[in-house]
C-alpha atoms as a PDB file:
ATOM      1  CA  MET A   1       8.520 -18.348   2.443  1.00  0.00           C
ATOM      2  CA  SER A   2       5.186 -16.829   3.457  1.00  0.00           C
ATOM      3  CA  LEU A   3       1.964 -18.735   4.021  1.00  0.00           C
ATOM      4  CA  ALA A   4       0.486 -17.375   0.791  1.00  0.00           C
ATOM      5  CA  ASP A   5       3.503 -18.593  -1.186  1.00  0.00           C
ATOM      6  CA  GLU A   6       3.283 -22.041   0.419  1.00  0.00           C
ATOM      7  CA  LEU A   7      -0.442 -22.315  -0.300  1.00  0.00           C
ATOM      8  CA  GLU A   8       0.136 -21.214  -3.885  1.00  0.00           C
ATOM      9  CA  ARG A   9       2.850 -23.829  -4.310  1.00  0.00           C
ATOM     10  CA  ILE A  10       0.751 -26.705  -2.977  1.00  0.00           C
ATOM     11  CA  ALA A  11      -2.262 -25.541  -5.039  1.00  0.00           C
ATOM     12  CA  ALA A  12      -0.105 -25.693  -8.166  1.00  0.00           C
ATOM     13  CA  LEU A  13       1.015 -29.209  -7.230  1.00  0.00           C
ATOM     14  CA  HIS A  14      -2.617 -30.185  -6.670  1.00  0.00           C
ATOM     15  CA  GLU A  15      -3.659 -28.796 -10.058  1.00  0.00           C
ATOM     16  CA  ARG A  16      -0.878 -30.731 -11.818  1.00  0.00           C
ATOM     17  CA  GLY A  17      -2.080 -33.923 -10.166  1.00  0.00           C
ATOM     18  CA  VAL A  18       1.002 -34.428  -7.980  1.00  0.00           C
ATOM     19  CA  LEU A  19      -1.124 -34.190  -4.820  1.00  0.00           C
ATOM     20  CA  SER A  20      -4.469 -35.896  -4.321  1.00  0.00           C
ATOM     21  CA  ASP A  21      -7.422 -34.011  -2.831  1.00  0.00           C
ATOM     22  CA  GLU A  22      -6.829 -35.630   0.549  1.00  0.00           C
ATOM     23  CA  GLU A  23      -3.083 -34.869   0.560  1.00  0.00           C
ATOM     24  CA  PHE A  24      -3.773 -31.270  -0.473  1.00  0.00           C
ATOM     25  CA  GLN A  25      -6.251 -30.782   2.400  1.00  0.00           C
ATOM     26  CA  GLN A  26      -3.861 -32.378   4.921  1.00  0.00           C
ATOM     27  CA  ILE A  27      -0.939 -30.173   3.899  1.00  0.00           C
ATOM     28  CA  LYS A  28      -3.108 -27.052   3.833  1.00  0.00           C
ATOM     29  CA  THR A  29      -4.490 -27.823   7.310  1.00  0.00           C
ATOM     30  CA  ARG A  30      -1.003 -28.482   8.669  1.00  0.00           C
ATOM     31  CA  LEU A  31       0.291 -25.175   7.271  1.00  0.00           C
ATOM     32  CA  ILE A  32      -2.586 -23.191   8.744  1.00  0.00           C
ATOM     33  CA  GLN A  33      -2.390 -24.876  12.159  1.00  0.00           C
ATOM     34  CA  LYS A  34       1.351 -24.223  12.292  1.00  0.00           C
ATOM     35  CA  LEU A  35       0.780 -20.448  12.373  1.00  0.00           C
ATOM     36  CA  PRO A  36       1.531 -18.806  15.740  1.00  0.00           C
ATOM     37  CA  GLN A  37      -1.612 -17.241  17.166  1.00  0.00           C
ATOM     38  CA  SER A  38      -1.797 -13.856  18.850  1.00  0.00           C
ATOM     39  CA  GLY A  39      -4.172 -13.071  21.690  1.00  0.00           C
ATOM     40  CA  ASP A  40      -6.908 -11.673  19.437  1.00  0.00           C
ATOM     41  CA  GLY A  41      -7.325 -14.845  17.375  1.00  0.00           C
ATOM     42  CA  LEU A  42      -5.455 -13.509  14.349  1.00  0.00           C
ATOM     43  CA  PRO A  43      -2.157 -15.041  13.267  1.00  0.00           C
ATOM     44  CA  ALA A  44       0.774 -13.153  14.767  1.00  0.00           C
ATOM     45  CA  ASP A  45       2.419 -12.608  11.369  1.00  0.00           C
ATOM     46  CA  VAL A  46      -0.599 -10.862   9.829  1.00  0.00           C
ATOM     47  CA  PRO A  47       0.470  -7.248   9.242  1.00  0.00           C
ATOM     48  CA  GLY A  48      -1.486  -4.793  11.348  1.00  0.00           C
ATOM     49  CA  SER A  49      -3.053  -7.381  13.647  1.00  0.00           C
ATOM     50  CA  LEU A  50      -1.253  -6.144  16.756  1.00  0.00           C
ATOM     51  CA  GLU A  51       0.396  -2.901  15.644  1.00  0.00           C
ATOM     52  CA  VAL A  52      -2.741  -0.778  15.437  1.00  0.00           C
ATOM     53  CA  SER A  53      -3.645  -1.543  19.033  1.00  0.00           C
ATOM     54  CA  GLN A  54      -0.163  -0.368  20.070  1.00  0.00           C
ATOM     55  CA  LEU A  55      -0.553   3.086  18.505  1.00  0.00           C
ATOM     56  CA  ARG A  56      -0.045   5.768  21.150  1.00  0.00           C
ATOM     57  CA  ARG A  57       0.625   9.497  20.889  1.00  0.00           C
ATOM     58  CA  SER A  58       4.212  10.306  21.774  1.00  0.00           C
ATOM     59  CA  ARG A  59       5.073  12.404  24.813  1.00  0.00           C
ATOM     60  CA  ASP A  60       8.706  12.909  23.827  1.00  0.00           C
ATOM     61  CA  ASP A  61       8.481  13.519  20.079  1.00  0.00           C
ATOM     62  CA  ARG A  62       5.650  16.003  19.690  1.00  0.00           C
ATOM     63  CA  TRP A  63       4.990  19.385  18.187  1.00  0.00           C
ATOM     64  CA  LEU A  64       1.251  19.537  18.781  1.00  0.00           C
ATOM     65  CA  GLY A  65      -0.464  16.341  19.849  1.00  0.00           C
ATOM     66  CA  GLY A  66       2.257  13.720  19.414  1.00  0.00           C
ATOM     67  CA  VAL A  67       0.399  11.904  16.640  1.00  0.00           C
ATOM     68  CA  CYS A  68       3.274  11.949  14.155  1.00  0.00           C
ATOM     69  CA  GLY A  69       5.764  10.865  16.810  1.00  0.00           C
ATOM     70  CA  GLY A  70       3.547   7.951  17.776  1.00  0.00           C
ATOM     71  CA  ILE A  71       3.025   6.832  14.194  1.00  0.00           C
ATOM     72  CA  ALA A  72       6.759   7.187  13.550  1.00  0.00           C
ATOM     73  CA  ARG A  73       7.581   4.965  16.522  1.00  0.00           C
ATOM     74  CA  LEU A  74       5.089   2.352  15.319  1.00  0.00           C
ATOM     75  CA  THR A  75       6.322   2.332  11.711  1.00  0.00           C
ATOM     76  CA  ASN A  76      10.059   2.747  12.470  1.00  0.00           C
ATOM     77  CA  MET A  77      10.230   5.894  10.354  1.00  0.00           C
ATOM     78  CA  GLU A  78      11.356   9.390  11.225  1.00  0.00           C
ATOM     79  CA  SER A  79       8.644  11.643  12.628  1.00  0.00           C
ATOM     80  CA  TRP A  80       9.532  14.473  10.218  1.00  0.00           C
ATOM     81  CA  ILE A  81       8.453  12.218   7.350  1.00  0.00           C
ATOM     82  CA  TRP A  82       5.014  11.807   8.921  1.00  0.00           C
ATOM     83  CA  ARG A  83       4.791  15.555   9.543  1.00  0.00           C
ATOM     84  CA  LEU A  84       5.590  16.112   5.885  1.00  0.00           C
ATOM     85  CA  ILE A  85       2.909  13.595   4.870  1.00  0.00           C
ATOM     86  CA  PHE A  86       0.280  15.311   7.031  1.00  0.00           C
ATOM     87  CA  ALA A  87       1.332  18.725   5.671  1.00  0.00           C
ATOM     88  CA  ALA A  88       1.031  17.447   2.093  1.00  0.00           C
ATOM     89  CA  MET A  89      -2.384  15.982   2.886  1.00  0.00           C
ATOM     90  CA  PHE A  90      -3.395  19.343   4.381  1.00  0.00           C
ATOM     91  CA  LEU A  91      -2.753  20.907   0.994  1.00  0.00           C
ATOM     92  CA  LEU A  92      -5.152  18.343  -0.508  1.00  0.00           C
ATOM     93  CA  TRP A  93      -8.406  19.948   0.638  1.00  0.00           C
ATOM     94  CA  GLY A  94      -7.538  19.802   4.338  1.00  0.00           C
ATOM     95  CA  THR A  95      -7.633  16.032   4.726  1.00  0.00           C
ATOM     96  CA  GLY A  96      -4.353  16.032   6.659  1.00  0.00           C
ATOM     97  CA  LEU A  97      -5.693  18.436   9.263  1.00  0.00           C
ATOM     98  CA  LEU A  98      -8.939  16.508   9.642  1.00  0.00           C
ATOM     99  CA  LEU A  99      -7.113  13.170   9.969  1.00  0.00           C
ATOM    100  CA  TYR A 100      -4.606  14.634  12.440  1.00  0.00           C
ATOM    101  CA  ILE A 101      -7.374  16.061  14.643  1.00  0.00           C
ATOM    102  CA  LEU A 102      -9.275  12.748  14.605  1.00  0.00           C
ATOM    103  CA  LEU A 103      -6.126  10.835  15.547  1.00  0.00           C
ATOM    104  CA  TRP A 104      -5.362  13.387  18.265  1.00  0.00           C
ATOM    105  CA  ILE A 105      -8.829  12.811  19.733  1.00  0.00           C
ATOM    106  CA  PHE A 106      -9.066   9.022  19.422  1.00  0.00           C
ATOM    107  CA  VAL A 107      -5.488   7.754  19.888  1.00  0.00           C
ATOM    108  CA  PRO A 108      -4.583   7.510  23.578  1.00  0.00           C
ATOM    109  CA  ASP A 109      -1.524   9.182  25.051  1.00  0.00           C
ATOM    110  CA  GLU A 110       1.343   6.928  26.127  1.00  0.00           C
END
């Protein structure tokens, strides 16, 4: 069960009067303190908290700059799917090409 589900469950109990204000705060504090912390101060289970900093352009799986190969490695998807996504976005007023070039410039090589 995720943290959001747990908090929702105890909030419902609090609203029904099963938990007092003090009990609700104690349980909520205990749940939040139980979260494992990553090095950047965000909980380790928060999606995207660590993954974005691990994005690197691929040296092995590349056609141009390795952007799609790097994103594929990070998301555990095939790189051809990302190439197809960028090609489809290129057909939408060139946004795929612009995004690809920006990622090529700003994402470091592995």
